[in-house]
């Protein structure tokens, strides 16, 4: 299937030369991709983030096992290894938040909005 993109334009007539006072208009324009608010160019994002989350989870497990093994053998762990472990863990949390945002955005078109 070919993807189609639709765009909406709203114009204001405030540049006219007379002072018009039209009544307030209230409108809601919703574009959907099938039943989802997610645009066609982001259709595979949920799957790709889930794949990255799985790979990062495996990385955290491998690093955790390596840290435990190093602690048993040498009673110490290099600081760089702990930084890599923390960075991988924080990246995994970031991807989890992005998955939650995409999931909510697909349903309501707004996503997670912490304001």
N, C-alpha and C. Protein backbone atom coordinates (compact mmCIF):
# COMPACT_ATOMS: atom_id res chain seq x y z
N UNK A 1 0.83 -1.19 0.00
CA UNK A 1 0.00 0.00 0.00
C UNK A 1 0.87 1.25 0.00
N UNK A 2 0.41 2.24 -0.69
CA UNK A 2 1.11 3.53 -0.70
C UNK A 2 0.62 4.38 0.45
N UNK A 3 1.53 5.08 1.07
CA UNK A 3 1.16 5.98 2.15
C UNK A 3 0.68 7.30 1.57
N UNK A 4 -0.32 7.84 2.19
CA UNK A 4 -0.84 9.15 1.79
C UNK A 4 -0.72 10.08 2.99
N UNK A 5 -0.34 11.31 2.72
CA UNK A 5 -0.22 12.30 3.77
C UNK A 5 -1.22 13.42 3.52
N UNK A 6 -1.93 13.78 4.56
CA UNK A 6 -2.91 14.86 4.47
C UNK A 6 -2.49 15.94 5.44
N UNK A 7 -2.63 17.17 5.02
CA UNK A 7 -2.25 18.30 5.86
C UNK A 7 -3.46 19.24 5.97
N UNK A 8 -3.61 19.85 7.12
CA UNK A 8 -4.69 20.82 7.32
C UNK A 8 -4.11 22.21 7.53
N UNK A 9 -4.74 23.20 6.96
CA UNK A 9 -4.29 24.58 7.11
C UNK A 9 -5.45 25.40 7.65
N UNK A 10 -5.17 26.17 8.70
CA UNK A 10 -6.17 27.07 9.26
C UNK A 10 -5.65 28.48 9.05
N UNK A 11 -6.47 29.34 8.44
CA UNK A 11 -6.03 30.71 8.15
C UNK A 11 -6.87 31.70 8.95
N UNK A 12 -6.23 32.80 9.32
CA UNK A 12 -6.90 33.87 10.05
C UNK A 12 -6.96 35.10 9.15
N UNK A 13 -8.10 35.74 9.11
CA UNK A 13 -8.28 36.91 8.25
C UNK A 13 -7.97 38.20 8.99
N UNK A 14 -7.02 38.19 9.89
CA UNK A 14 -6.74 39.37 10.70
C UNK A 14 -6.02 40.46 9.91
N UNK A 15 -5.56 40.18 8.70
CA UNK A 15 -4.86 41.18 7.91
C UNK A 15 -5.82 41.99 7.02
N UNK A 16 -7.11 41.75 7.14
CA UNK A 16 -8.06 42.55 6.37
C UNK A 16 -8.05 43.99 6.85
N UNK A 17 -8.54 44.88 6.01
CA UNK A 17 -8.44 46.30 6.33
C UNK A 17 -9.56 46.82 7.22
N UNK A 18 -10.57 46.05 7.45
CA UNK A 18 -11.64 46.50 8.33
C UNK A 18 -11.64 45.65 9.60
N UNK A 19 -12.18 46.19 10.64
CA UNK A 19 -12.19 45.53 11.94
C UNK A 19 -13.42 44.63 12.03
N UNK A 20 -13.28 43.41 11.61
CA UNK A 20 -14.40 42.47 11.64
C UNK A 20 -14.40 41.74 12.98
N UNK A 21 -15.57 41.50 13.50
CA UNK A 21 -15.71 40.77 14.76
C UNK A 21 -16.58 39.54 14.53
N UNK A 22 -16.00 38.54 13.88
CA UNK A 22 -16.80 37.33 13.66
C UNK A 22 -16.99 36.58 14.97
N UNK A 23 -18.02 35.75 15.05
CA UNK A 23 -18.21 34.97 16.28
C UNK A 23 -17.08 33.94 16.42
N UNK A 24 -16.80 33.56 17.67
CA UNK A 24 -15.76 32.57 17.92
C UNK A 24 -16.16 31.24 17.31
N UNK A 25 -15.21 30.62 16.69
CA UNK A 25 -15.44 29.31 16.09
C UNK A 25 -14.77 28.25 16.95
N UNK A 26 -15.43 27.15 17.11
CA UNK A 26 -14.87 26.03 17.84
C UNK A 26 -14.84 24.83 16.90
N UNK A 27 -13.68 24.24 16.74
CA UNK A 27 -13.56 23.11 15.83
C UNK A 27 -12.52 22.13 16.35
N UNK A 28 -12.61 20.91 15.88
CA UNK A 28 -11.64 19.88 16.20
C UNK A 28 -11.38 19.08 14.93
N UNK A 29 -10.13 19.02 14.53
CA UNK A 29 -9.74 18.32 13.32
C UNK A 29 -8.84 17.16 13.71
N UNK A 30 -9.21 15.94 13.38
CA UNK A 30 -8.46 14.76 13.79
C UNK A 30 -8.05 13.98 12.54
N UNK A 31 -6.75 13.76 12.39
CA UNK A 31 -6.24 12.91 11.32
C UNK A 31 -5.81 11.58 11.94
N UNK A 32 -6.21 10.49 11.31
CA UNK A 32 -5.82 9.18 11.82
C UNK A 32 -5.24 8.34 10.70
N UNK A 33 -4.38 7.43 11.08
CA UNK A 33 -3.80 6.46 10.18
C UNK A 33 -4.47 5.13 10.47
N UNK A 34 -5.51 4.81 9.76
CA UNK A 34 -6.33 3.65 10.11
C UNK A 34 -7.09 4.00 11.36
N UNK A 35 -6.90 3.28 12.45
CA UNK A 35 -7.54 3.60 13.71
C UNK A 35 -6.59 4.24 14.70
N UNK A 36 -5.36 4.55 14.26
CA UNK A 36 -4.33 5.04 15.17
C UNK A 36 -3.99 6.49 14.85
N UNK A 37 -3.56 7.22 15.86
CA UNK A 37 -3.09 8.59 15.66
C UNK A 37 -1.66 8.62 15.15
N UNK A 38 -0.96 7.51 15.19
CA UNK A 38 0.43 7.45 14.78
C UNK A 38 0.54 7.63 13.27
N UNK A 39 1.38 8.55 12.78
CA UNK A 39 1.51 8.74 11.34
C UNK A 39 2.11 7.52 10.65
N UNK A 40 1.91 7.44 9.35
CA UNK A 40 2.35 6.27 8.59
C UNK A 40 3.87 6.08 8.64
N UNK A 41 4.63 7.18 8.73
CA UNK A 41 6.08 7.02 8.74
C UNK A 41 6.61 6.54 10.09
N UNK A 42 5.76 6.42 11.09
CA UNK A 42 6.17 5.91 12.40
C UNK A 42 5.46 4.61 12.76
N UNK A 43 4.92 3.92 11.76
CA UNK A 43 4.18 2.68 12.02
C UNK A 43 5.02 1.62 12.73
N UNK A 44 6.27 1.45 12.40
CA UNK A 44 7.09 0.39 12.99
C UNK A 44 7.84 0.80 14.24
N UNK A 45 7.59 2.00 14.74
CA UNK A 45 8.37 2.49 15.88
C UNK A 45 8.14 1.69 17.15
N UNK A 46 6.91 1.27 17.40
CA UNK A 46 6.63 0.51 18.62
C UNK A 46 7.39 -0.82 18.61
N UNK A 47 7.39 -1.48 17.46
CA UNK A 47 8.12 -2.75 17.34
C UNK A 47 9.62 -2.54 17.49
N UNK A 48 10.15 -1.50 16.84
CA UNK A 48 11.61 -1.28 16.91
C UNK A 48 12.04 -0.90 18.33
N UNK A 49 11.22 -0.12 19.04
CA UNK A 49 11.55 0.21 20.43
C UNK A 49 11.47 -1.03 21.31
N UNK A 50 10.51 -1.91 21.05
CA UNK A 50 10.42 -3.16 21.82
C UNK A 50 11.66 -4.03 21.57
N UNK A 51 12.15 -4.05 20.32
CA UNK A 51 13.36 -4.80 20.01
C UNK A 51 14.56 -4.21 20.75
N UNK A 52 14.69 -2.89 20.71
CA UNK A 52 15.81 -2.23 21.41
C UNK A 52 15.72 -2.48 22.91
N UNK A 53 14.49 -2.45 23.45
CA UNK A 53 14.29 -2.71 24.88
C UNK A 53 14.75 -4.12 25.24
N UNK A 54 14.44 -5.08 24.39
CA UNK A 54 14.86 -6.46 24.62
C UNK A 54 16.39 -6.57 24.57
N UNK A 55 17.01 -5.93 23.57
CA UNK A 55 18.46 -5.98 23.46
C UNK A 55 19.13 -5.31 24.66
N UNK A 56 18.60 -4.18 25.10
CA UNK A 56 19.16 -3.51 26.27
C UNK A 56 18.97 -4.35 27.53
N UNK A 57 17.83 -5.02 27.65
CA UNK A 57 17.60 -5.90 28.79
C UNK A 57 18.61 -7.03 28.83
N UNK A 58 18.90 -7.59 27.64
CA UNK A 58 19.93 -8.64 27.57
C UNK A 58 21.29 -8.07 27.95
N UNK A 59 21.57 -6.84 27.50
CA UNK A 59 22.84 -6.20 27.86
C UNK A 59 22.97 -5.97 29.35
N UNK A 60 21.88 -5.57 30.00
CA UNK A 60 21.90 -5.35 31.45
C UNK A 60 22.16 -6.67 32.17
N UNK A 61 21.52 -7.74 31.70
CA UNK A 61 21.73 -9.06 32.33
C UNK A 61 23.18 -9.50 32.16
N UNK A 62 23.72 -9.37 30.95
CA UNK A 62 25.12 -9.78 30.70
C UNK A 62 26.08 -8.94 31.54
N UNK A 63 25.86 -7.64 31.58
CA UNK A 63 26.72 -6.78 32.40
C UNK A 63 26.60 -7.12 33.88
N UNK A 64 25.39 -7.39 34.34
CA UNK A 64 25.18 -7.74 35.74
C UNK A 64 25.91 -9.02 36.12
N UNK A 65 25.82 -10.02 35.24
CA UNK A 65 26.52 -11.28 35.49
C UNK A 65 28.03 -11.05 35.49
N UNK A 66 28.51 -10.23 34.56
CA UNK A 66 29.93 -9.93 34.50
C UNK A 66 30.41 -9.19 35.75
N UNK A 67 29.61 -8.27 36.23
CA UNK A 67 29.97 -7.53 37.45
C UNK A 67 30.02 -8.47 38.65
N UNK A 68 29.02 -9.35 38.77
CA UNK A 68 29.02 -10.31 39.88
C UNK A 68 30.23 -11.23 39.81
N UNK A 69 30.56 -11.71 38.62
CA UNK A 69 31.71 -12.60 38.45
C UNK A 69 33.01 -11.88 38.81
N UNK A 70 33.12 -10.63 38.38
CA UNK A 70 34.32 -9.87 38.69
C UNK A 70 34.43 -9.59 40.19
N UNK A 71 33.29 -9.33 40.83
CA UNK A 71 33.31 -9.11 42.28
C UNK A 71 33.74 -10.37 43.02
N UNK A 72 33.28 -11.53 42.58
CA UNK A 72 33.66 -12.79 43.22
C UNK A 72 35.15 -13.08 43.07
N UNK A 73 35.67 -12.83 41.87
CA UNK A 73 37.07 -13.19 41.59
C UNK A 73 38.06 -12.17 42.15
N UNK A 74 37.80 -10.88 41.96
CA UNK A 74 38.81 -9.87 42.32
C UNK A 74 38.37 -8.95 43.46
N UNK A 75 37.14 -9.08 43.91
CA UNK A 75 36.59 -8.24 44.99
C UNK A 75 36.55 -6.75 44.63
N UNK A 76 36.60 -6.44 43.33
CA UNK A 76 36.49 -5.05 42.90
C UNK A 76 35.94 -5.00 41.47
N UNK A 77 35.41 -3.85 41.11
CA UNK A 77 34.87 -3.65 39.77
C UNK A 77 35.41 -2.32 39.26
N UNK A 78 35.80 -2.30 38.02
CA UNK A 78 36.32 -1.06 37.44
C UNK A 78 35.18 -0.05 37.31
N UNK A 79 35.50 1.21 37.57
CA UNK A 79 34.49 2.27 37.54
C UNK A 79 33.85 2.42 36.16
N UNK A 80 34.62 2.21 35.11
CA UNK A 80 34.08 2.32 33.75
C UNK A 80 32.98 1.28 33.50
N UNK A 81 33.15 0.09 34.07
CA UNK A 81 32.13 -0.96 33.92
C UNK A 81 30.84 -0.54 34.61
N UNK A 82 30.96 0.07 35.78
CA UNK A 82 29.76 0.55 36.48
C UNK A 82 29.08 1.67 35.71
N UNK A 83 29.88 2.55 35.08
CA UNK A 83 29.29 3.63 34.26
C UNK A 83 28.55 3.06 33.06
N UNK A 84 29.14 2.06 32.41
CA UNK A 84 28.47 1.43 31.27
C UNK A 84 27.18 0.74 31.72
N UNK A 85 27.23 0.07 32.86
CA UNK A 85 26.03 -0.57 33.40
C UNK A 85 24.94 0.46 33.68
N UNK A 86 25.31 1.57 34.34
CA UNK A 86 24.33 2.62 34.66
C UNK A 86 23.78 3.25 33.39
N UNK A 87 24.65 3.51 32.40
CA UNK A 87 24.20 4.11 31.14
C UNK A 87 23.23 3.19 30.41
N UNK A 88 23.52 1.90 30.40
CA UNK A 88 22.64 0.93 29.74
C UNK A 88 21.30 0.86 30.47
N UNK A 89 21.34 0.88 31.78
CA UNK A 89 20.11 0.85 32.57
C UNK A 89 19.27 2.10 32.34
N UNK A 90 19.90 3.28 32.32
CA UNK A 90 19.16 4.53 32.06
C UNK A 90 18.61 4.57 30.64
N UNK A 91 19.35 4.05 29.67
CA UNK A 91 18.85 4.00 28.30
C UNK A 91 17.64 3.07 28.21
N UNK A 92 17.68 1.98 28.96
CA UNK A 92 16.55 1.05 28.97
C UNK A 92 15.32 1.73 29.56
N UNK A 93 15.49 2.51 30.60
CA UNK A 93 14.38 3.26 31.20
C UNK A 93 13.84 4.28 30.20
N UNK A 94 14.74 4.94 29.47
CA UNK A 94 14.32 5.92 28.47
C UNK A 94 13.49 5.27 27.36
N UNK A 95 13.93 4.12 26.88
CA UNK A 95 13.18 3.41 25.83
C UNK A 95 11.83 2.94 26.37
N UNK A 96 11.78 2.52 27.62
CA UNK A 96 10.50 2.11 28.23
C UNK A 96 9.53 3.30 28.27
N UNK A 97 10.04 4.48 28.62
CA UNK A 97 9.19 5.68 28.63
C UNK A 97 8.71 6.02 27.22
N UNK A 98 9.58 5.85 26.22
CA UNK A 98 9.18 6.12 24.84
C UNK A 98 8.12 5.13 24.37
N UNK A 99 8.23 3.88 24.78
CA UNK A 99 7.21 2.88 24.43
C UNK A 99 5.87 3.28 25.05
N UNK A 100 5.88 3.69 26.32
CA UNK A 100 4.64 4.14 26.97
C UNK A 100 4.06 5.35 26.26
N UNK A 101 4.92 6.29 25.87
CA UNK A 101 4.45 7.48 25.17
C UNK A 101 3.81 7.11 23.83
N UNK A 102 4.46 6.25 23.06
CA UNK A 102 3.90 5.83 21.77
C UNK A 102 2.57 5.11 21.95
N UNK A 103 2.49 4.28 22.97
CA UNK A 103 1.26 3.53 23.22
C UNK A 103 0.09 4.48 23.50
N UNK A 104 0.34 5.47 24.35
CA UNK A 104 -0.71 6.45 24.68
C UNK A 104 -1.00 7.33 23.47
N UNK A 105 0.04 7.73 22.72
CA UNK A 105 -0.15 8.59 21.55
C UNK A 105 -0.98 7.91 20.47
N UNK A 106 -0.81 6.60 20.31
CA UNK A 106 -1.60 5.88 19.32
C UNK A 106 -3.09 5.96 19.64
N UNK A 107 -3.43 6.04 20.92
CA UNK A 107 -4.83 6.05 21.32
C UNK A 107 -5.45 7.44 21.41
N UNK A 108 -4.69 8.43 21.89
CA UNK A 108 -5.31 9.74 22.10
C UNK A 108 -4.71 10.88 21.25
N UNK A 109 -3.61 10.63 20.54
CA UNK A 109 -3.02 11.66 19.71
C UNK A 109 -2.23 12.70 20.48
N UNK A 110 -2.04 12.51 21.78
CA UNK A 110 -1.30 13.47 22.58
C UNK A 110 -0.10 12.86 23.28
N UNK A 111 -0.17 11.62 23.65
CA UNK A 111 0.94 10.95 24.32
C UNK A 111 1.03 11.35 25.78
N UNK A 112 2.14 11.01 26.39
CA UNK A 112 2.37 11.36 27.79
C UNK A 112 2.79 12.81 27.86
N UNK A 113 2.02 13.61 28.55
CA UNK A 113 2.31 15.04 28.64
C UNK A 113 2.39 15.41 30.11
N UNK A 114 3.62 15.55 30.58
CA UNK A 114 3.84 15.91 31.99
C UNK A 114 4.04 17.41 32.08
N UNK A 115 2.97 18.10 32.40
CA UNK A 115 3.07 19.56 32.49
C UNK A 115 2.62 20.03 33.84
